[in-house]
């Protein structure tokens, strides 16, 4: 009897049920799209100091940072800004360094939305750039709150920091060319 009543209610609400299922599916798609877009942005950052203007920098290797893609990502983001980089071991800084970058990062584990598997992510990043043995600018990335960019790549998180810490040399060339062509 109960089964018959449930079937009757289901058939009577067929249009409503389909509407609710479609709305739930659309909501899930919007949420999933939001996470996909957010994973390409690095929002929680703190920068102290003005962006430094340099064309090359030496990166002091930190063996305590175990993320295999951290230093290559750091070099890639610097290269995209027109800054060349070399990596050296602690205490072996080349004398030809225009600036020196030291870093630290922490890795945590968590479960991404819609996943049952735990995954490593960079939860904090600290960057310090020295010029002439003085701190020129520091930057810090931290995961906060919902942390929609929690599982973003190291390159995305580093780009968010370095965009505020290092003058984009590729834009300087374009600004100079456009200023000289205007005359």
Protein backbone atom coordinates (compact mmCIF):
# COMPACT_ATOMS: atom_id res chain seq x y z
CA UNK A 1 0.00 0.00 0.00
CA UNK A 2 2.78 2.43 0.96
CA UNK A 3 4.67 1.58 -2.24
CA UNK A 4 1.58 2.30 -4.30
CA UNK A 5 1.13 5.67 -2.60
CA UNK A 6 4.79 6.56 -3.18
CA UNK A 7 4.48 5.66 -6.87
CA UNK A 8 1.32 7.75 -7.18
CA UNK A 9 3.01 10.76 -5.55
CA UNK A 10 6.07 10.35 -7.77
CA UNK A 11 3.98 10.17 -10.93
CA UNK A 12 1.86 13.13 -9.83
CA UNK A 13 4.98 15.22 -9.11
CA UNK A 14 6.88 13.99 -12.17
CA UNK A 15 7.28 17.48 -13.63
CA UNK A 16 8.25 19.00 -10.26
CA UNK A 17 10.71 16.22 -9.53
CA UNK A 18 12.37 16.67 -12.92
CA UNK A 19 12.60 20.44 -12.30
CA UNK A 20 14.23 19.88 -8.89
CA UNK A 21 16.71 17.38 -10.32
CA UNK A 22 17.60 19.77 -13.14
CA UNK A 23 18.04 22.66 -10.69
CA UNK A 24 20.29 20.57 -8.44
CA UNK A 25 22.35 19.48 -11.45
CA UNK A 26 22.72 23.08 -12.64
CA UNK A 27 23.74 24.23 -9.15
CA UNK A 28 26.39 21.52 -9.01
CA UNK A 29 27.71 22.58 -12.42
CA UNK A 30 27.94 26.22 -11.34
CA UNK A 31 29.80 25.28 -8.15
CA UNK A 32 32.18 23.03 -10.08
CA UNK A 33 32.82 25.80 -12.64
CA UNK A 34 33.49 28.26 -9.81
CA UNK A 35 36.13 25.95 -8.34
CA UNK A 36 37.70 25.49 -11.78
CA UNK A 37 37.97 29.25 -12.30
CA UNK A 38 39.20 29.89 -8.74
CA UNK A 39 41.96 27.31 -9.14
CA UNK A 40 43.66 29.65 -11.62
CA UNK A 41 43.91 32.56 -9.18
CA UNK A 42 45.99 33.15 -6.09
CA UNK A 43 44.16 35.47 -3.76
CA UNK A 44 45.43 35.35 -0.17
CA UNK A 45 48.76 37.18 -0.32
CA UNK A 46 50.57 39.71 1.77
CA UNK A 47 53.42 41.80 0.36
CA UNK A 48 55.63 44.29 2.24
CA UNK A 49 57.80 46.60 0.20
CA UNK A 50 57.78 47.96 -3.32
CA UNK A 51 58.33 45.75 -6.37
CA UNK A 52 62.01 45.39 -7.20
CA UNK A 53 63.33 46.22 -10.65
CA UNK A 54 65.93 43.64 -11.65
CA UNK A 55 66.76 41.58 -14.71
CA UNK A 56 68.35 38.59 -12.93
CA UNK A 57 68.13 37.00 -9.51
CA UNK A 58 69.84 34.19 -7.61
CA UNK A 59 67.59 31.72 -5.79
CA UNK A 60 68.95 30.11 -2.63
CA UNK A 61 67.91 26.45 -2.69
CA UNK A 62 65.95 25.39 0.41
CA UNK A 63 66.18 21.60 0.81
CA UNK A 64 63.44 21.72 3.49
CA UNK A 65 60.83 22.49 0.80
CA UNK A 66 59.92 19.09 -0.54
CA UNK A 67 57.55 20.15 -3.34
CA UNK A 68 59.33 18.96 -6.47
CA UNK A 69 57.81 21.61 -8.74
CA UNK A 70 58.43 24.62 -6.47
CA UNK A 71 61.79 25.87 -7.78
CA UNK A 72 61.02 25.13 -11.46
CA UNK A 73 57.70 26.97 -11.03
CA UNK A 74 59.49 29.87 -9.35
CA UNK A 75 61.96 30.09 -12.24
CA UNK A 76 59.14 29.84 -14.80
CA UNK A 77 57.15 32.70 -13.24
CA UNK A 78 60.29 34.87 -13.00
CA UNK A 79 61.11 34.11 -16.66
CA UNK A 80 57.56 35.13 -17.66
CA UNK A 81 58.32 38.50 -16.04
CA UNK A 82 61.59 38.76 -18.01
CA UNK A 83 63.84 37.94 -15.04
CA UNK A 84 66.55 35.29 -15.42
CA UNK A 85 67.43 33.16 -12.41
CA UNK A 86 70.08 30.79 -11.13
CA UNK A 87 69.80 28.41 -8.19
CA UNK A 88 72.63 28.04 -5.69
CA UNK A 89 73.21 26.20 -2.42
CA UNK A 90 73.14 28.01 0.93
CA UNK A 91 76.44 29.77 1.60
CA UNK A 92 77.58 29.58 -2.05
CA UNK A 93 75.94 32.74 -3.42
CA UNK A 94 77.61 33.88 -6.64
CA UNK A 95 79.09 37.38 -6.45
CA UNK A 96 77.38 38.33 -9.71
CA UNK A 97 73.87 38.24 -8.19
CA UNK A 98 71.81 41.37 -8.87
CA UNK A 99 69.35 40.22 -6.20
CA UNK A 100 68.88 37.20 -3.97
CA UNK A 101 65.63 35.32 -3.32
CA UNK A 102 65.11 33.03 -0.33
CA UNK A 103 61.95 31.02 0.18
CA UNK A 104 60.13 28.67 2.48
CA UNK A 105 56.91 26.74 1.94
CA UNK A 106 54.64 24.40 3.88
CA UNK A 107 52.75 21.46 2.48
CA UNK A 108 49.49 20.14 3.91
CA UNK A 109 47.09 17.42 2.86
CA UNK A 110 43.37 17.65 2.21
CA UNK A 111 40.53 16.30 0.10
CA UNK A 112 39.48 18.37 -2.90
CA UNK A 113 35.75 18.95 -3.39
CA UNK A 114 34.07 16.01 -5.12
CA UNK A 115 37.00 13.71 -4.30
CA UNK A 116 37.60 10.99 -1.73
CA UNK A 117 41.40 10.98 -2.12
CA UNK A 118 43.71 13.09 0.01
CA UNK A 119 46.11 15.34 -1.91
CA UNK A 120 49.13 17.50 -1.04
CA UNK A 121 48.97 21.28 -1.56
CA UNK A 122 51.12 24.32 -0.75
CA UNK A 123 49.46 25.93 2.27
CA UNK A 124 51.98 28.73 2.89
CA UNK A 125 54.74 30.31 0.83
CA UNK A 126 57.22 32.90 2.09
CA UNK A 127 59.45 34.78 -0.37
CA UNK A 128 62.08 37.38 0.53
CA UNK A 129 64.11 39.33 -2.01
CA UNK A 130 67.38 40.93 -0.91
CA UNK A 131 69.14 43.73 -2.80
CA UNK A 132 72.64 44.76 -1.64
CA UNK A 133 72.26 42.49 1.44
CA UNK A 134 69.11 44.34 2.62
CA UNK A 135 65.53 43.09 2.51
CA UNK A 136 63.85 44.80 -0.43
CA UNK A 137 60.45 43.07 -0.47
CA UNK A 138 58.76 40.14 1.24
CA UNK A 139 55.67 38.19 0.24
CA UNK A 140 53.52 35.58 1.93
CA UNK A 141 50.78 33.33 0.56
CA UNK A 142 48.40 31.57 2.96
CA UNK A 143 45.34 29.41 2.47
CA UNK A 144 42.39 30.97 4.34
CA UNK A 145 38.70 30.22 4.71
CA UNK A 146 37.23 28.28 1.83
CA UNK A 147 40.62 28.33 0.14
CA UNK A 148 39.20 27.99 -3.36
CA UNK A 149 42.75 28.15 -4.71
CA UNK A 150 44.02 25.60 -2.17
CA UNK A 151 44.76 23.03 -4.89
CA UNK A 152 46.09 25.52 -7.47
CA UNK A 153 49.51 24.78 -8.88
CA UNK A 154 52.68 26.20 -7.37
CA UNK A 155 53.08 28.40 -10.46
CA UNK A 156 49.64 30.01 -9.97
CA UNK A 157 50.34 30.76 -6.31
CA UNK A 158 53.85 32.07 -7.04
CA UNK A 159 52.60 34.25 -9.89
CA UNK A 160 50.14 35.88 -7.50
CA UNK A 161 53.03 36.80 -5.20
CA UNK A 162 55.69 37.71 -7.76
CA UNK A 163 53.31 39.96 -9.72
CA UNK A 164 53.40 42.24 -6.65
CA UNK A 165 57.08 41.74 -5.80
CA UNK A 166 59.01 42.00 -9.09
CA UNK A 167 58.68 44.60 -11.85
CA UNK A 168 57.65 42.94 -15.12
CA UNK A 169 60.66 43.46 -17.41
CA UNK A 170 58.63 42.43 -20.48
CA UNK A 171 56.27 45.36 -19.88
CA UNK A 172 59.16 47.80 -19.40
CA UNK A 173 60.37 47.05 -22.93
CA UNK A 174 56.87 47.57 -24.34
CA UNK A 175 56.41 50.84 -22.44
CA UNK A 176 59.77 52.11 -23.63
CA UNK A 177 59.05 51.13 -27.24
CA UNK A 178 55.59 52.76 -27.22
CA UNK A 179 56.95 55.92 -25.56
CA UNK A 180 59.77 56.21 -28.11
CA UNK A 181 57.43 55.57 -31.05
CA UNK A 182 55.11 58.35 -29.87
CA UNK A 183 57.86 60.94 -30.33
